[in-house]
Amino acid sequence: MSFNAPASRAGARLAVVLGLFVFIQIAGAPYAQAQEFGRMDDVETNINAFYYLVEPGTATIQISVFGKVQNPGVYVLEDGVNLSLLLGLSGGPTSTNQPDVKQTTTVRMYRNSGSMRSLAYEASFDEVMDRAADSPTLSEGDIVIIDVEQKRKMNWRDIFTVIGPLLSTLLLIERLTAN
């Protein structure tokens, strides 16, 4: 029986490298713990858009925020939180810093009613924030969608963009008819 020392060393090295790789993968992986209703323990998740904003031991609700908002995702909040607070926590709507763009932001809240989901509230973002105390209270499973409509005002560059090709076409027609 022959013993091949270099081959056994290579196999041992491979086993050590694989063992380290598996250890690093298991030790470095994020984990999630189960949640009991109304109680949050130490929770970690690998989802970047999952926000836990509650005190331990309080009743919780889960709300989804989508659309043109700074921090979209799933929010776990205390029961009884209203819409204006959620909009503040999510960072509000995304905005443009262009002076010639007019932006209109609409907030829509959808709620489960039986087996269907229906529109429960709709208002402009400014209306919701101006009447923050009167904004609706959120319920488990609500979905909030922020819709931003942008309209650009016409400026002198737009006028030249239209007039330039028009004048070129007229000059071309004049030259063709002059010959």
Foldseek 3Di string as FASTA:
>chain_A
DDDDVVVVVVVVVVVVVVVVVVVCCVVVDADADDDDAQADDDGDDPDPLEEEDEDGRAGWAWEFEDEQFQRGHIYIYGAFDFDLVVCVVRHHGDDDPDPQKDKWKKKWKWDDDDPDIDTDDIDTNVVCNVPVVPGGGDHHPMYMYIYMDIDGDDDPVNVCVVVVVVVVVVVVVVVVVVD
